[in-house]
Amino acid sequence: KIEEKQQQQQQQNDNGDSISSTVQEPFLAIRYNGELISMDHGGPRLYIPNLYGWKSAKWAIRWRFMNQYKPGFWEKLGCHPRGRILREERFQEGWITMLWNTLT
């Protein structure tokens, strides 16, 4: 059950990586262009309309609802916390520094 104050969601895949975003209306995608989405392409997977594809975990095994934002795998590397396509929210300000600090 989603409580009204829970505005964030986080998906976790079978590798332990997590992806965070605001609560949207996702659906389970099992086909793309009429073809089943193979396991090689992360299928079946959750799809969240209006957000970039990296905001939907491939091979998702867990989905949590939270009261506050917690950065996931891609957000820790500098990807935008919201990731809305129409606003071209791809990277956070200072993303290259975040990536460098993660890799070194």
C-alpha atoms as a PDB file:
ATOM      1  CA  LYS A   1       0.000   0.000   0.000  1.00  0.00           C
ATOM      2  CA  ILE A   2       1.314   3.432  -0.956  1.00  0.00           C
ATOM      3  CA  GLU A   3       0.835   6.079   1.704  1.00  0.00           C
ATOM      4  CA  GLU A   4       0.070   9.631   0.559  1.00  0.00           C
ATOM      5  CA  LYS A   5       3.379  10.991   1.906  1.00  0.00           C
ATOM      6  CA  GLN A   6       5.455   8.384   0.031  1.00  0.00           C
ATOM      7  CA  GLN A   7       6.514  10.362  -3.012  1.00  0.00           C
ATOM      8  CA  GLN A   8       9.621   8.397  -4.042  1.00  0.00           C
ATOM      9  CA  GLN A   9      10.128   4.913  -5.403  1.00  0.00           C
ATOM     10  CA  GLN A  10      13.240   2.836  -5.878  1.00  0.00           C
ATOM     11  CA  GLN A  11      13.656  -0.246  -8.056  1.00  0.00           C
ATOM     12  CA  GLN A  12      16.420  -2.748  -7.424  1.00  0.00           C
ATOM     13  CA  ASN A  13      17.670  -5.256  -9.977  1.00  0.00           C
ATOM     14  CA  ASP A  14      19.228  -8.670  -9.512  1.00  0.00           C
ATOM     15  CA  ASN A  15      22.750  -7.151  -9.559  1.00  0.00           C
ATOM     16  CA  GLY A  16      21.917  -5.072  -6.473  1.00  0.00           C
ATOM     17  CA  ASP A  17      21.864  -1.786  -8.442  1.00  0.00           C
ATOM     18  CA  SER A  18      19.014   0.592  -7.686  1.00  0.00           C
ATOM     19  CA  ILE A  19      17.238   3.322  -9.642  1.00  0.00           C
ATOM     20  CA  SER A  20      15.236   6.061  -7.897  1.00  0.00           C
ATOM     21  CA  SER A  21      12.494   8.380  -9.122  1.00  0.00           C
ATOM     22  CA  THR A  22       9.317  10.079  -8.031  1.00  0.00           C
ATOM     23  CA  VAL A  23       6.220   7.884  -7.878  1.00  0.00           C
ATOM     24  CA  GLN A  24       4.794   7.531 -11.364  1.00  0.00           C
ATOM     25  CA  GLU A  25       2.383   5.108 -12.980  1.00  0.00           C
ATOM     26  CA  PRO A  26       4.653   2.355 -14.292  1.00  0.00           C
ATOM     27  CA  PHE A  27       3.581  -0.710 -16.172  1.00  0.00           C
ATOM     28  CA  LEU A  28       5.228  -4.029 -16.822  1.00  0.00           C
ATOM     29  CA  ALA A  29       6.606  -4.175 -20.364  1.00  0.00           C
ATOM     30  CA  ILE A  30       6.838  -7.645 -21.872  1.00  0.00           C
ATOM     31  CA  ARG A  31       6.797  -6.717 -25.578  1.00  0.00           C
ATOM     32  CA  TYR A  32       8.450  -4.070 -27.741  1.00  0.00           C
ATOM     33  CA  ASN A  33       7.377  -3.600 -31.364  1.00  0.00           C
ATOM     34  CA  GLY A  34       5.332  -6.788 -31.072  1.00  0.00           C
ATOM     35  CA  GLU A  35       8.290  -8.926 -29.962  1.00  0.00           C
ATOM     36  CA  LEU A  36       8.843 -10.331 -26.473  1.00  0.00           C
ATOM     37  CA  ILE A  37      11.554  -8.428 -24.608  1.00  0.00           C
ATOM     38  CA  SER A  38      14.330 -10.956 -24.105  1.00  0.00           C
ATOM     39  CA  MET A  39      16.241 -11.431 -20.857  1.00  0.00           C
ATOM     40  CA  ASP A  40      19.296 -10.041 -22.712  1.00  0.00           C
ATOM     41  CA  HIS A  41      17.435  -6.731 -22.931  1.00  0.00           C
ATOM     42  CA  GLY A  42      16.174  -6.809 -19.361  1.00  0.00           C
ATOM     43  CA  GLY A  43      12.737  -8.118 -20.010  1.00  0.00           C
ATOM     44  CA  PRO A  44      10.240  -8.170 -18.724  1.00  0.00           C
ATOM     45  CA  ARG A  45      10.865  -4.814 -17.113  1.00  0.00           C
ATOM     46  CA  LEU A  46       9.054  -1.893 -15.542  1.00  0.00           C
ATOM     47  CA  TYR A  47       8.463   1.052 -17.856  1.00  0.00           C
ATOM     48  CA  ILE A  48       7.709   4.545 -16.567  1.00  0.00           C
ATOM     49  CA  PRO A  49       6.202   6.826 -19.242  1.00  0.00           C
ATOM     50  CA  ASN A  50       7.822  10.248 -19.769  1.00  0.00           C
ATOM     51  CA  LEU A  51      11.114   9.212 -18.103  1.00  0.00           C
ATOM     52  CA  TYR A  52      14.331   8.116 -19.746  1.00  0.00           C
ATOM     53  CA  GLY A  53      14.830   4.370 -20.005  1.00  0.00           C
ATOM     54  CA  TRP A  54      17.582   4.325 -17.383  1.00  0.00           C
ATOM     55  CA  LYS A  55      14.935   5.275 -14.808  1.00  0.00           C
ATOM     56  CA  SER A  56      13.474   1.759 -15.193  1.00  0.00           C
ATOM     57  CA  ALA A  57      15.547  -1.103 -13.832  1.00  0.00           C
ATOM     58  CA  LYS A  58      16.244  -4.087 -16.038  1.00  0.00           C
ATOM     59  CA  TRP A  59      15.640  -7.405 -14.259  1.00  0.00           C
ATOM     60  CA  ALA A  60      13.896  -5.604 -11.349  1.00  0.00           C
ATOM     61  CA  ILE A  61      13.358  -7.829  -8.332  1.00  0.00           C
ATOM     62  CA  ARG A  62      12.350  -5.270  -5.682  1.00  0.00           C
ATOM     63  CA  TRP A  63      10.331  -2.051  -5.622  1.00  0.00           C
ATOM     64  CA  ARG A  64      10.264   0.230  -2.564  1.00  0.00           C
ATOM     65  CA  PHE A  65       8.223   3.324  -1.773  1.00  0.00           C
ATOM     66  CA  MET A  66       9.948   5.958   0.361  1.00  0.00           C
ATOM     67  CA  ASN A  67       9.196   9.255   2.060  1.00  0.00           C
ATOM     68  CA  GLN A  68      12.358  10.935   0.808  1.00  0.00           C
ATOM     69  CA  TYR A  69      14.707  10.706  -2.135  1.00  0.00           C
ATOM     70  CA  LYS A  70      17.645   8.308  -1.970  1.00  0.00           C
ATOM     71  CA  PRO A  71      20.012   8.288  -4.978  1.00  0.00           C
ATOM     72  CA  GLY A  72      20.335   5.038  -6.885  1.00  0.00           C
ATOM     73  CA  PHE A  73      23.159   3.613  -9.022  1.00  0.00           C
ATOM     74  CA  TRP A  74      22.850   5.993 -11.992  1.00  0.00           C
ATOM     75  CA  GLU A  75      22.102   9.044  -9.850  1.00  0.00           C
ATOM     76  CA  LYS A  76      25.321   8.448  -7.881  1.00  0.00           C
ATOM     77  CA  LEU A  77      27.175   8.565 -11.221  1.00  0.00           C
ATOM     78  CA  GLY A  78      25.666  11.956 -12.070  1.00  0.00           C
ATOM     79  CA  CYS A  79      22.435  11.150 -13.885  1.00  0.00           C
ATOM     80  CA  HIS A  80      19.524  13.446 -13.128  1.00  0.00           C
ATOM     81  CA  PRO A  81      17.340  12.452 -10.134  1.00  0.00           C
ATOM     82  CA  ARG A  82      14.087  12.942 -12.108  1.00  0.00           C
ATOM     83  CA  GLY A  83      15.044  12.082 -15.706  1.00  0.00           C
ATOM     84  CA  ARG A  84      12.044  13.648 -17.483  1.00  0.00           C
ATOM     85  CA  ILE A  85      12.386  13.365 -21.261  1.00  0.00           C
ATOM     86  CA  LEU A  86      10.464  16.540 -22.176  1.00  0.00           C
ATOM     87  CA  ARG A  87      12.730  18.637 -19.934  1.00  0.00           C
ATOM     88  CA  GLU A  88      15.852  16.814 -21.170  1.00  0.00           C
ATOM     89  CA  GLU A  89      16.854  16.015 -17.593  1.00  0.00           C
ATOM     90  CA  ARG A  90      19.831  13.781 -18.311  1.00  0.00           C
ATOM     91  CA  PHE A  91      22.619  14.863 -15.965  1.00  0.00           C
ATOM     92  CA  GLN A  92      22.979  16.663 -12.647  1.00  0.00           C
ATOM     93  CA  GLU A  93      25.068  19.801 -12.402  1.00  0.00           C
ATOM     94  CA  GLY A  94      28.631  18.722 -11.621  1.00  0.00           C
ATOM     95  CA  TRP A  95      28.032  15.203 -12.967  1.00  0.00           C
ATOM     96  CA  ILE A  96      31.566  14.757 -14.319  1.00  0.00           C
ATOM     97  CA  THR A  97      33.013  15.377 -10.840  1.00  0.00           C
ATOM     98  CA  MET A  98      30.561  12.892  -9.319  1.00  0.00           C
ATOM     99  CA  LEU A  99      31.551  10.265 -11.879  1.00  0.00           C
ATOM    100  CA  TRP A 100      35.277  10.879 -11.342  1.00  0.00           C
ATOM    101  CA  ASN A 101      34.923  10.640  -7.551  1.00  0.00           C
ATOM    102  CA  THR A 102      33.027   7.360  -7.903  1.00  0.00           C
ATOM    103  CA  LEU A 103      35.639   5.827 -10.192  1.00  0.00           C
ATOM    104  CA  THR A 104      38.725   6.926  -8.265  1.00  0.00           C
END
